[in-house]
Amino acid sequence: MTSQVEQRMAEMGLALPLDWTPRGQFLPFRKDGTTVYLSGQICEWDGTVTHVGPVVDTPDGIVAGQAGARICALNLIYRLRAACDGNLDRVDMILRLGGFVNCRAGFAQSPAVINGATEVFIALFGDQGWHARTAVGVSGLPGNASVEVDAIVRLKD
């Protein structure tokens, strides 16, 4: 059975990635009751970082950063599906996203970049996709990725 969330994803032309091995020694998620803590996911697809290096402060740079953030969101949703035992309709609410943007000092567009991930969660989960959020600039990320996003999600009982 395909979840309604996965049906929306297909209608949007989005797909989840294939499984991959994390770059570090950590769990992809940890559950505490109905709360799921998802480890940070970079913009990596099929073992390749899709958007590398610092996000540049130009319109094209912001658009590229947002595309990287969308990939991070899809990677998070892949791990979230595992935490939901394969049924994304068990998601009650996206509580929080933490966004990290690889950038140079003084970059002021981190919130605009992380909007790429936020928009995926809202499109797929509707009102339950709205969340609290941080969006910070950092001087480097794993694999020299341009973006990393983590999340906290509440499941239905």
Protein backbone atom coordinates (compact mmCIF):
# COMPACT_ATOMS: atom_id res chain seq x y z
CA MET A 1 0.00 0.00 0.00
CA THR A 2 1.32 3.42 -0.95
CA SER A 3 0.79 6.22 1.55
CA GLN A 4 -1.07 9.40 0.62
CA VAL A 5 2.19 11.26 1.19
CA GLU A 6 3.97 9.06 -1.36
CA GLN A 7 1.09 9.56 -3.79
CA ARG A 8 1.48 13.36 -3.45
CA MET A 9 5.21 12.92 -3.96
CA ALA A 10 4.63 11.01 -7.21
CA GLU A 11 2.17 13.66 -8.40
CA MET A 12 4.86 16.28 -7.80
CA GLY A 13 7.39 14.24 -9.78
CA LEU A 14 9.49 13.55 -6.68
CA ALA A 15 11.00 10.24 -5.64
CA LEU A 16 12.84 8.94 -2.63
CA PRO A 17 16.48 7.91 -2.95
CA LEU A 18 17.87 4.42 -2.84
CA ASP A 19 19.34 3.31 0.48
CA TRP A 20 22.87 4.48 1.25
CA THR A 21 25.49 4.15 3.94
CA PRO A 22 25.83 7.15 6.27
CA ARG A 23 29.16 8.98 6.15
CA GLY A 24 29.66 8.75 9.91
CA GLN A 25 29.04 6.48 12.85
CA PHE A 26 25.47 7.36 13.89
CA LEU A 27 21.88 6.21 13.61
CA PRO A 28 19.78 7.70 10.79
CA PHE A 29 17.01 8.28 13.35
CA ARG A 30 16.15 7.72 16.99
CA LYS A 31 12.62 7.32 18.34
CA ASP A 32 11.39 8.35 21.78
CA GLY A 33 7.73 7.42 22.06
CA THR A 34 6.01 9.20 19.19
CA THR A 35 8.89 11.60 18.58
CA VAL A 36 11.42 10.85 15.84
CA TYR A 37 14.78 12.63 15.79
CA LEU A 38 16.22 12.46 12.27
CA SER A 39 19.97 12.83 11.82
CA GLY A 40 21.19 15.52 9.48
CA GLN A 41 21.06 14.65 5.80
CA ILE A 42 23.22 16.33 3.18
CA CYS A 43 22.34 16.87 -0.47
CA GLU A 44 23.63 13.47 -1.56
CA TRP A 45 22.01 11.18 -4.13
CA ASP A 46 23.25 7.73 -5.19
CA GLY A 47 26.50 8.29 -3.29
CA THR A 48 27.27 11.63 -4.94
CA VAL A 49 27.01 15.05 -3.35
CA THR A 50 24.79 16.93 -5.79
CA HIS A 51 25.53 20.49 -4.67
CA VAL A 52 29.04 21.21 -3.39
CA GLY A 53 30.96 24.05 -1.89
CA PRO A 54 29.73 27.26 -0.42
CA VAL A 55 26.38 28.62 -1.58
CA VAL A 56 27.08 31.91 -3.33
CA ASP A 57 25.05 35.04 -2.70
CA THR A 58 23.56 35.43 -6.17
CA PRO A 59 20.06 34.59 -7.42
CA ASP A 60 21.41 31.48 -9.19
CA GLY A 61 23.38 30.51 -6.09
CA ILE A 62 20.28 30.73 -3.89
CA VAL A 63 18.25 28.65 -6.38
CA ALA A 64 21.00 26.00 -6.43
CA GLY A 65 21.11 25.98 -2.63
CA GLN A 66 17.33 25.52 -2.49
CA ALA A 67 17.63 22.57 -4.89
CA GLY A 68 20.21 21.05 -2.53
CA ALA A 69 17.87 21.62 0.42
CA ARG A 70 15.07 19.79 -1.45
CA ILE A 71 17.36 16.77 -1.83
CA CYS A 72 18.10 16.94 1.90
CA ALA A 73 14.33 16.90 2.55
CA LEU A 74 13.84 13.82 0.36
CA ASN A 75 16.68 12.05 2.19
CA LEU A 76 15.04 12.94 5.51
CA ILE A 77 11.68 11.63 4.29
CA TYR A 78 13.34 8.38 3.21
CA ARG A 79 14.69 7.88 6.75
CA LEU A 80 11.36 9.04 8.22
CA ARG A 81 9.54 6.38 6.22
CA ALA A 82 11.73 3.75 7.89
CA ALA A 83 10.93 5.25 11.30
CA CYS A 84 7.20 4.98 10.40
CA ASP A 85 7.53 1.29 9.49
CA GLY A 86 7.00 2.17 5.84
CA ASN A 87 3.85 4.30 6.27
CA LEU A 88 4.40 8.06 6.01
CA ASP A 89 0.71 8.60 6.78
CA ARG A 90 1.70 7.93 10.41
CA VAL A 91 3.31 11.38 10.53
CA ASP A 92 1.32 13.67 12.81
CA MET A 93 3.45 16.79 12.57
CA ILE A 94 6.85 18.05 11.47
CA LEU A 95 7.98 19.80 14.65
CA ARG A 96 11.32 21.32 13.69
CA LEU A 97 13.90 21.54 10.92
CA GLY A 98 17.50 22.51 11.48
CA GLY A 99 19.17 23.86 8.36
CA PHE A 100 22.89 24.34 7.77
CA VAL A 101 24.19 26.20 4.75
CA ASN A 102 27.83 25.95 3.67
CA CYS A 103 28.70 29.60 3.00
CA ARG A 104 31.19 32.39 3.42
CA ALA A 105 31.16 34.77 6.39
CA GLY A 106 28.48 37.42 6.05
CA PHE A 107 26.08 35.29 3.96
CA ALA A 108 22.59 36.46 4.93
CA GLN A 109 20.46 34.15 2.77
CA SER A 110 20.49 30.93 4.84
CA PRO A 111 16.72 31.16 5.52
CA ALA A 112 16.00 31.49 1.77
CA VAL A 113 18.14 28.43 1.03
CA ILE A 114 16.49 26.26 3.70
CA ASN A 115 13.09 27.28 2.31
CA GLY A 116 13.79 24.60 -0.31
CA ALA A 117 13.40 21.91 2.36
CA THR A 118 10.52 23.63 4.13
CA GLU A 119 8.53 23.80 0.90
CA VAL A 120 8.86 20.03 0.39
CA PHE A 121 7.53 19.26 3.87
CA ILE A 122 4.59 21.65 3.49
CA ALA A 123 3.73 20.33 0.02
CA LEU A 124 3.76 16.72 1.22
CA PHE A 125 2.29 17.04 4.72
CA GLY A 126 0.05 20.10 4.35
CA ASP A 127 -0.56 22.09 7.54
CA GLN A 128 1.23 19.36 9.52
CA GLY A 129 4.35 20.13 7.47
CA TRP A 130 4.73 23.63 8.96
CA HIS A 131 7.49 23.60 11.57
CA ALA A 132 9.77 25.61 13.81
CA ARG A 133 13.16 26.07 12.17
CA THR A 134 16.71 27.28 12.35
CA ALA A 135 18.78 28.21 9.31
CA VAL A 136 22.41 28.93 9.98
CA GLY A 137 25.51 29.48 7.89
CA VAL A 138 28.53 27.26 8.51
CA SER A 139 32.03 27.10 7.07
CA GLY A 140 31.87 23.47 5.96
CA LEU A 141 29.72 20.35 5.79
CA PRO A 142 30.40 16.62 5.19
CA GLY A 143 31.49 15.88 1.63
CA ASN A 144 31.72 19.66 1.06
CA ALA A 145 27.93 19.59 0.63
CA SER A 146 26.26 22.95 0.23
CA VAL A 147 23.35 22.10 2.57
CA GLU A 148 22.45 19.78 5.46
CA VAL A 149 19.07 19.51 7.18
CA ASP A 150 17.89 17.59 10.24
CA ALA A 151 14.37 17.21 11.65
CA ILE A 152 12.21 16.35 14.62
CA VAL A 153 8.85 14.73 13.81
CA ARG A 154 5.89 13.56 15.87
CA LEU A 155 4.06 10.40 14.83
CA LYS A 156 0.40 9.52 15.43
CA ASP A 157 -0.21 7.12 18.31
